[in-house]
Amino acid sequence: MSRAAEAPLQALLSDLRRCRLCRDAPLHGGPLPHEPRPVIQASATARLCIAGQAPGTRVHASGRPFTDPSGVRLRVWLGLAEADFYDASRVAILPMNHCFPGLDSRGSDLPPRRECAPAWRARLFAAMPQIELVLAIGRYAQLWHLGEDTPASLTETVADWRAILSAPRRPRILPLPHPSWRNSGWLRRHPWFEAELLLVLRQEVARLVGPAPQ
């Protein structure tokens, strides 16, 4: 990939990392109650994109995506070592909300801010036409990437993974539940996820990410 081809994406990422839209000019509800810290991993060569929900408290502190127990489980699902997972030249990580949205009154993460995706998402994917597969993790990512084709619930969406993956679209989409340990009960109730979907997921990841460059 030439520097000329990489330059537009890097300029966009630089703008995104300076974004303060949700704090200084909120369009939905009150302003973000803390200093924004956009967390994103992207390049003009990565062919795999992980589309999660939003950074949590640990990711907000580290500035690196999935530096929490859910990231450990996700890497097991993908069959990727930590070094490969964090290789931006091979794996893009674009959450629906780039900044930690804060906590609700019960101490749970708030949903993604609604300013973020409309402002940045289409522009990011336009700057990364090489992306071949998006792993849509959770309901927010699935609704954005599948649009009107999204089944009524997360379980129905993930259960329909074969049809979604084989649909004639680019990039292709593979829906996943969130790898949070809170979803362990869901995984037990749906053994086909590990027995069937994960086999295909790891094959796709191996094909798109490949071995580390020498």
C-alpha atoms as a PDB file:
ATOM      1  CA  MET A   1       0.000   0.000   0.000  1.00  0.00           C
ATOM      2  CA  SER A   2       1.485   3.330  -1.081  1.00  0.00           C
ATOM      3  CA  ARG A   3       1.755   6.313   1.208  1.00  0.00           C
ATOM      4  CA  ALA A   4      -0.530   8.221  -1.157  1.00  0.00           C
ATOM      5  CA  ALA A   5      -3.262   5.595  -0.702  1.00  0.00           C
ATOM      6  CA  GLU A   6      -2.832   5.571   3.083  1.00  0.00           C
ATOM      7  CA  ALA A   7      -2.832   9.366   3.488  1.00  0.00           C
ATOM      8  CA  PRO A   8      -6.614  10.023   3.247  1.00  0.00           C
ATOM      9  CA  LEU A   9      -7.372   7.425   5.927  1.00  0.00           C
ATOM     10  CA  GLN A  10      -4.664   8.737   8.237  1.00  0.00           C
ATOM     11  CA  ALA A  11      -6.005  12.277   7.860  1.00  0.00           C
ATOM     12  CA  LEU A  12      -9.503  11.030   8.709  1.00  0.00           C
ATOM     13  CA  LEU A  13      -8.219   9.135  11.756  1.00  0.00           C
ATOM     14  CA  SER A  14      -6.394  12.243  12.913  1.00  0.00           C
ATOM     15  CA  ASP A  15      -9.631  14.227  12.680  1.00  0.00           C
ATOM     16  CA  LEU A  16     -11.551  11.505  14.523  1.00  0.00           C
ATOM     17  CA  ARG A  17      -9.077  11.411  17.394  1.00  0.00           C
ATOM     18  CA  ARG A  18      -9.645  15.143  17.887  1.00  0.00           C
ATOM     19  CA  CYS A  19     -13.446  14.765  17.789  1.00  0.00           C
ATOM     20  CA  ARG A  20     -15.335  16.361  20.682  1.00  0.00           C
ATOM     21  CA  LEU A  21     -18.800  16.356  19.087  1.00  0.00           C
ATOM     22  CA  CYS A  22     -20.550  14.428  21.868  1.00  0.00           C
ATOM     23  CA  ARG A  23     -19.141  16.741  24.536  1.00  0.00           C
ATOM     24  CA  ASP A  24     -19.172  20.157  22.841  1.00  0.00           C
ATOM     25  CA  ALA A  25     -22.102  19.877  20.429  1.00  0.00           C
ATOM     26  CA  PRO A  26     -24.337  16.982  21.551  1.00  0.00           C
ATOM     27  CA  LEU A  27     -27.262  16.224  19.284  1.00  0.00           C
ATOM     28  CA  HIS A  28     -29.034  13.740  21.567  1.00  0.00           C
ATOM     29  CA  GLY A  29     -29.312  14.356  25.311  1.00  0.00           C
ATOM     30  CA  GLY A  30     -26.705  15.980  27.498  1.00  0.00           C
ATOM     31  CA  PRO A  31     -22.997  16.275  26.765  1.00  0.00           C
ATOM     32  CA  LEU A  32     -20.548  13.475  27.423  1.00  0.00           C
ATOM     33  CA  PRO A  33     -19.676  13.878  31.130  1.00  0.00           C
ATOM     34  CA  HIS A  34     -15.938  13.261  30.708  1.00  0.00           C
ATOM     35  CA  GLU A  35     -13.123  14.067  28.307  1.00  0.00           C
ATOM     36  CA  PRO A  36     -13.609  12.136  25.054  1.00  0.00           C
ATOM     37  CA  ARG A  37     -10.930   9.598  24.186  1.00  0.00           C
ATOM     38  CA  PRO A  38     -11.666   8.020  20.791  1.00  0.00           C
ATOM     39  CA  VAL A  39     -10.365   4.461  20.563  1.00  0.00           C
ATOM     40  CA  ILE A  40      -9.915   2.992  17.099  1.00  0.00           C
ATOM     41  CA  GLN A  41      -7.570   0.684  15.207  1.00  0.00           C
ATOM     42  CA  ALA A  42      -7.486   0.977  11.405  1.00  0.00           C
ATOM     43  CA  SER A  43      -5.297   0.909   8.322  1.00  0.00           C
ATOM     44  CA  ALA A  44      -5.589   0.877   4.556  1.00  0.00           C
ATOM     45  CA  THR A  45      -4.426  -2.759   4.435  1.00  0.00           C
ATOM     46  CA  ALA A  46      -6.569  -4.559   7.039  1.00  0.00           C
ATOM     47  CA  ARG A  47      -9.083  -6.891   5.391  1.00  0.00           C
ATOM     48  CA  LEU A  48     -10.909  -7.870   8.601  1.00  0.00           C
ATOM     49  CA  CYS A  49     -12.952  -5.362  10.613  1.00  0.00           C
ATOM     50  CA  ILE A  50     -14.244  -5.930  14.147  1.00  0.00           C
ATOM     51  CA  ALA A  51     -17.306  -3.749  14.755  1.00  0.00           C
ATOM     52  CA  GLY A  52     -18.070  -3.650  18.458  1.00  0.00           C
ATOM     53  CA  GLN A  53     -20.291  -1.411  20.568  1.00  0.00           C
ATOM     54  CA  ALA A  54     -18.236   1.146  22.519  1.00  0.00           C
ATOM     55  CA  PRO A  55     -15.196   1.294  24.804  1.00  0.00           C
ATOM     56  CA  GLY A  56     -15.797   0.393  28.439  1.00  0.00           C
ATOM     57  CA  THR A  57     -14.048   1.826  31.476  1.00  0.00           C
ATOM     58  CA  ARG A  58     -10.885  -0.270  31.056  1.00  0.00           C
ATOM     59  CA  VAL A  59     -10.561   0.537  27.368  1.00  0.00           C
ATOM     60  CA  HIS A  60     -11.160   4.225  28.097  1.00  0.00           C
ATOM     61  CA  ALA A  61      -8.263   4.079  30.576  1.00  0.00           C
ATOM     62  CA  SER A  62      -5.897   2.141  28.302  1.00  0.00           C
ATOM     63  CA  GLY A  63      -6.775   3.793  24.985  1.00  0.00           C
ATOM     64  CA  ARG A  64      -6.549   0.355  23.340  1.00  0.00           C
ATOM     65  CA  PRO A  65      -9.570  -1.666  22.178  1.00  0.00           C
ATOM     66  CA  PHE A  66     -10.692  -4.806  24.020  1.00  0.00           C
ATOM     67  CA  THR A  67      -8.187  -4.558  26.894  1.00  0.00           C
ATOM     68  CA  ASP A  68     -10.642  -6.346  29.183  1.00  0.00           C
ATOM     69  CA  PRO A  69     -11.884  -9.914  29.809  1.00  0.00           C
ATOM     70  CA  SER A  70     -14.226  -9.726  26.800  1.00  0.00           C
ATOM     71  CA  GLY A  71     -11.172  -9.107  24.624  1.00  0.00           C
ATOM     72  CA  VAL A  72      -9.575 -12.300  25.931  1.00  0.00           C
ATOM     73  CA  ARG A  73     -12.657 -14.315  24.982  1.00  0.00           C
ATOM     74  CA  LEU A  74     -12.913 -12.576  21.591  1.00  0.00           C
ATOM     75  CA  ARG A  75      -9.335 -13.475  20.710  1.00  0.00           C
ATOM     76  CA  VAL A  76     -10.080 -17.112  21.601  1.00  0.00           C
ATOM     77  CA  TRP A  77     -13.120 -17.011  19.317  1.00  0.00           C
ATOM     78  CA  LEU A  78     -11.020 -15.600  16.492  1.00  0.00           C
ATOM     79  CA  GLY A  79      -8.065 -17.904  17.050  1.00  0.00           C
ATOM     80  CA  LEU A  80      -5.728 -14.899  17.150  1.00  0.00           C
ATOM     81  CA  ALA A  81      -2.751 -14.242  19.365  1.00  0.00           C
ATOM     82  CA  GLU A  82      -2.712 -10.864  21.082  1.00  0.00           C
ATOM     83  CA  ALA A  83       0.057  -9.527  18.828  1.00  0.00           C
ATOM     84  CA  ASP A  84      -1.895 -10.442  15.694  1.00  0.00           C
ATOM     85  CA  PHE A  85      -5.137  -8.998  17.078  1.00  0.00           C
ATOM     86  CA  TYR A  86      -3.453  -5.638  17.701  1.00  0.00           C
ATOM     87  CA  ASP A  87      -1.689  -5.516  14.338  1.00  0.00           C
ATOM     88  CA  ALA A  88      -3.534  -2.610  12.703  1.00  0.00           C
ATOM     89  CA  SER A  89      -2.123  -3.506   9.305  1.00  0.00           C
ATOM     90  CA  ARG A  90      -4.167  -6.728   9.392  1.00  0.00           C
ATOM     91  CA  VAL A  91      -7.093  -6.102  11.785  1.00  0.00           C
ATOM     92  CA  ALA A  92      -9.290  -3.005  11.968  1.00  0.00           C
ATOM     93  CA  ILE A  93     -11.358  -2.372  15.109  1.00  0.00           C
ATOM     94  CA  LEU A  94     -14.132   0.191  14.603  1.00  0.00           C
ATOM     95  CA  PRO A  95     -16.674   0.389  17.436  1.00  0.00           C
ATOM     96  CA  MET A  96     -20.046   1.975  16.851  1.00  0.00           C
ATOM     97  CA  ASN A  97     -19.121   4.624  19.427  1.00  0.00           C
ATOM     98  CA  HIS A  98     -15.424   5.506  19.575  1.00  0.00           C
ATOM     99  CA  CYS A  99     -15.539   6.991  23.079  1.00  0.00           C
ATOM    100  CA  PHE A 100     -16.643   5.526  26.391  1.00  0.00           C
ATOM    101  CA  PRO A 101     -20.287   6.678  26.721  1.00  0.00           C
ATOM    102  CA  GLY A 102     -20.353   6.614  30.545  1.00  0.00           C
ATOM    103  CA  LEU A 103     -22.297   4.604  33.102  1.00  0.00           C
ATOM    104  CA  ASP A 104     -25.965   4.557  34.002  1.00  0.00           C
ATOM    105  CA  SER A 105     -27.349   4.765  37.551  1.00  0.00           C
ATOM    106  CA  ARG A 106     -26.797   1.016  38.027  1.00  0.00           C
ATOM    107  CA  GLY A 107     -23.160   1.163  37.002  1.00  0.00           C
ATOM    108  CA  SER A 108     -23.694  -0.432  33.586  1.00  0.00           C
ATOM    109  CA  ASP A 109     -22.271   0.984  30.355  1.00  0.00           C
ATOM    110  CA  LEU A 110     -24.598   3.379  28.577  1.00  0.00           C
ATOM    111  CA  PRO A 111     -25.506   2.607  24.963  1.00  0.00           C
ATOM    112  CA  PRO A 112     -23.409   4.179  22.200  1.00  0.00           C
ATOM    113  CA  ARG A 113     -23.844   7.915  21.709  1.00  0.00           C
ATOM    114  CA  ARG A 114     -25.985   8.588  18.652  1.00  0.00           C
ATOM    115  CA  GLU A 115     -23.751  11.371  17.306  1.00  0.00           C
ATOM    116  CA  CYS A 116     -20.781   9.127  16.613  1.00  0.00           C
ATOM    117  CA  ALA A 117     -21.748   6.618  13.923  1.00  0.00           C
ATOM    118  CA  PRO A 118     -23.530   9.101  11.581  1.00  0.00           C
ATOM    119  CA  ALA A 119     -20.561  11.462  11.788  1.00  0.00           C
ATOM    120  CA  TRP A 120     -17.789   8.945  11.122  1.00  0.00           C
ATOM    121  CA  ARG A 121     -18.819   5.443  10.108  1.00  0.00           C
ATOM    122  CA  ALA A 122     -19.582   5.831   6.402  1.00  0.00           C
ATOM    123  CA  ARG A 123     -16.487   7.976   5.944  1.00  0.00           C
ATOM    124  CA  LEU A 124     -14.259   5.396   7.595  1.00  0.00           C
ATOM    125  CA  PHE A 125     -15.524   2.541   5.449  1.00  0.00           C
ATOM    126  CA  ALA A 126     -15.254   4.674   2.316  1.00  0.00           C
ATOM    127  CA  ALA A 127     -11.586   5.199   3.194  1.00  0.00           C
ATOM    128  CA  MET A 128     -11.085   1.444   3.700  1.00  0.00           C
ATOM    129  CA  PRO A 129     -12.537  -0.223   0.595  1.00  0.00           C
ATOM    130  CA  GLN A 130     -10.191  -3.187   1.130  1.00  0.00           C
ATOM    131  CA  ILE A 131     -12.250  -4.460   4.091  1.00  0.00           C
ATOM    132  CA  GLU A 132     -13.700  -7.834   3.103  1.00  0.00           C
ATOM    133  CA  LEU A 133     -15.448  -8.990   6.270  1.00  0.00           C
ATOM    134  CA  VAL A 134     -17.081  -7.133   9.169  1.00  0.00           C
ATOM    135  CA  LEU A 135     -17.667  -8.988  12.423  1.00  0.00           C
ATOM    136  CA  ALA A 136     -20.805  -7.249  13.718  1.00  0.00           C
ATOM    137  CA  ILE A 137     -20.638  -7.734  17.482  1.00  0.00           C
ATOM    138  CA  GLY A 138     -23.865  -7.002  19.326  1.00  0.00           C
ATOM    139  CA  ARG A 139     -27.165  -5.456  18.369  1.00  0.00           C
ATOM    140  CA  TYR A 140     -25.999  -1.902  17.640  1.00  0.00           C
ATOM    141  CA  ALA A 141     -23.412  -3.008  15.094  1.00  0.00           C
ATOM    142  CA  GLN A 142     -25.815  -5.475  13.516  1.00  0.00           C
ATOM    143  CA  LEU A 143     -28.550  -2.882  13.075  1.00  0.00           C
ATOM    144  CA  TRP A 144     -26.123  -0.445  11.463  1.00  0.00           C
ATOM    145  CA  HIS A 145     -24.448  -2.887   9.096  1.00  0.00           C
ATOM    146  CA  LEU A 146     -27.486  -4.962   8.144  1.00  0.00           C
ATOM    147  CA  GLY A 147     -30.085  -2.188   8.189  1.00  0.00           C
ATOM    148  CA  GLU A 148     -33.548  -3.338   7.151  1.00  0.00           C
ATOM    149  CA  ASP A 149     -32.244  -6.888   6.728  1.00  0.00           C
ATOM    150  CA  THR A 150     -31.638  -7.252  10.488  1.00  0.00           C
ATOM    151  CA  PRO A 151     -33.799  -9.969  12.102  1.00  0.00           C
ATOM    152  CA  ALA A 152     -35.933  -9.033  15.100  1.00  0.00           C
ATOM    153  CA  SER A 153     -33.518 -10.046  17.870  1.00  0.00           C
ATOM    154  CA  LEU A 154     -29.826 -10.653  18.412  1.00  0.00           C
ATOM    155  CA  THR A 155     -30.401 -14.393  18.790  1.00  0.00           C
ATOM    156  CA  GLU A 156     -32.315 -14.560  15.499  1.00  0.00           C
ATOM    157  CA  THR A 157     -29.630 -12.499  13.795  1.00  0.00           C
ATOM    158  CA  VAL A 158     -26.736 -14.669  14.967  1.00  0.00           C
ATOM    159  CA  ALA A 159     -28.733 -17.845  14.243  1.00  0.00           C
ATOM    160  CA  ASP A 160     -29.152 -16.619  10.650  1.00  0.00           C
ATOM    161  CA  TRP A 161     -25.389 -16.203  10.251  1.00  0.00           C
ATOM    162  CA  ARG A 162     -25.044 -18.487   7.232  1.00  0.00           C
ATOM    163  CA  ALA A 163     -27.509 -16.511   5.114  1.00  0.00           C
ATOM    164  CA  ILE A 164     -26.079 -13.193   6.289  1.00  0.00           C
ATOM    165  CA  LEU A 165     -22.495 -14.228   5.556  1.00  0.00           C
ATOM    166  CA  SER A 166     -23.341 -15.546   2.090  1.00  0.00           C
ATOM    167  CA  ALA A 167     -25.453 -12.532   1.051  1.00  0.00           C
ATOM    168  CA  PRO A 168     -24.120 -10.669  -2.022  1.00  0.00           C
ATOM    169  CA  ARG A 169     -22.746  -7.601  -0.263  1.00  0.00           C
ATOM    170  CA  ARG A 170     -19.305  -6.096   0.246  1.00  0.00           C
ATOM    171  CA  PRO A 171     -17.969  -6.162   2.799  1.00  0.00           C
ATOM    172  CA  ARG A 172     -19.565  -9.389   3.951  1.00  0.00           C
ATOM    173  CA  ILE A 173     -21.084  -9.411   7.438  1.00  0.00           C
ATOM    174  CA  LEU A 174     -20.851 -12.066  10.145  1.00  0.00           C
ATOM    175  CA  PRO A 175     -22.992 -11.362  13.246  1.00  0.00           C
ATOM    176  CA  LEU A 176     -21.698 -12.308  16.691  1.00  0.00           C
ATOM    177  CA  PRO A 177     -22.929 -11.924  20.259  1.00  0.00           C
ATOM    178  CA  HIS A 178     -20.836  -9.753  22.547  1.00  0.00           C
ATOM    179  CA  PRO A 179     -17.954 -11.761  24.059  1.00  0.00           C
ATOM    180  CA  SER A 180     -18.757 -10.428  27.535  1.00  0.00           C
ATOM    181  CA  TRP A 181     -18.674 -13.103  30.233  1.00  0.00           C
ATOM    182  CA  ARG A 182     -22.203 -11.973  31.077  1.00  0.00           C
ATOM    183  CA  ASN A 183     -23.229 -13.797  27.905  1.00  0.00           C
ATOM    184  CA  SER A 184     -21.954 -17.190  29.100  1.00  0.00           C
ATOM    185  CA  GLY A 185     -25.548 -18.306  29.701  1.00  0.00           C
ATOM    186  CA  TRP A 186     -26.468 -17.396  26.119  1.00  0.00           C
ATOM    187  CA  LEU A 187     -23.568 -19.486  24.840  1.00  0.00           C
ATOM    188  CA  ARG A 188     -24.666 -22.487  26.914  1.00  0.00           C
ATOM    189  CA  ARG A 189     -28.224 -22.210  25.569  1.00  0.00           C
ATOM    190  CA  HIS A 190     -26.997 -22.038  21.963  1.00  0.00           C
ATOM    191  CA  PRO A 191     -24.268 -24.691  21.589  1.00  0.00           C
ATOM    192  CA  TRP A 192     -24.371 -24.352  17.786  1.00  0.00           C
ATOM    193  CA  PHE A 193     -22.464 -21.082  18.169  1.00  0.00           C
ATOM    194  CA  GLU A 194     -19.266 -22.790  19.306  1.00  0.00           C
ATOM    195  CA  ALA A 195     -19.870 -26.038  17.403  1.00  0.00           C
ATOM    196  CA  GLU A 196     -20.631 -24.469  14.018  1.00  0.00           C
ATOM    197  CA  LEU A 197     -20.231 -20.698  13.747  1.00  0.00           C
ATOM    198  CA  LEU A 198     -16.827 -20.494  15.449  1.00  0.00           C
ATOM    199  CA  LEU A 199     -15.357 -23.038  13.041  1.00  0.00           C
ATOM    200  CA  VAL A 200     -16.262 -20.860  10.067  1.00  0.00           C
ATOM    201  CA  LEU A 201     -15.239 -17.685  11.903  1.00  0.00           C
ATOM    202  CA  ARG A 202     -11.731 -19.014  12.546  1.00  0.00           C
ATOM    203  CA  GLN A 203     -11.374 -20.142   8.942  1.00  0.00           C
ATOM    204  CA  GLU A 204     -12.354 -16.679   7.703  1.00  0.00           C
ATOM    205  CA  VAL A 205     -10.036 -14.942  10.168  1.00  0.00           C
ATOM    206  CA  ALA A 206      -7.101 -17.171   9.233  1.00  0.00           C
ATOM    207  CA  ARG A 207      -7.677 -16.456   5.548  1.00  0.00           C
ATOM    208  CA  LEU A 208      -7.972 -12.684   5.957  1.00  0.00           C
ATOM    209  CA  VAL A 209      -5.390 -12.034   8.665  1.00  0.00           C
ATOM    210  CA  GLY A 210      -2.819 -14.646   7.716  1.00  0.00           C
ATOM    211  CA  PRO A 211       0.557 -15.106   9.369  1.00  0.00           C
ATOM    212  CA  ALA A 212       2.506 -12.151  10.727  1.00  0.00           C
ATOM    213  CA  PRO A 213       4.753 -10.525   8.112  1.00  0.00           C
ATOM    214  CA  GLN A 214       8.423 -11.473   8.413  1.00  0.00           C
END
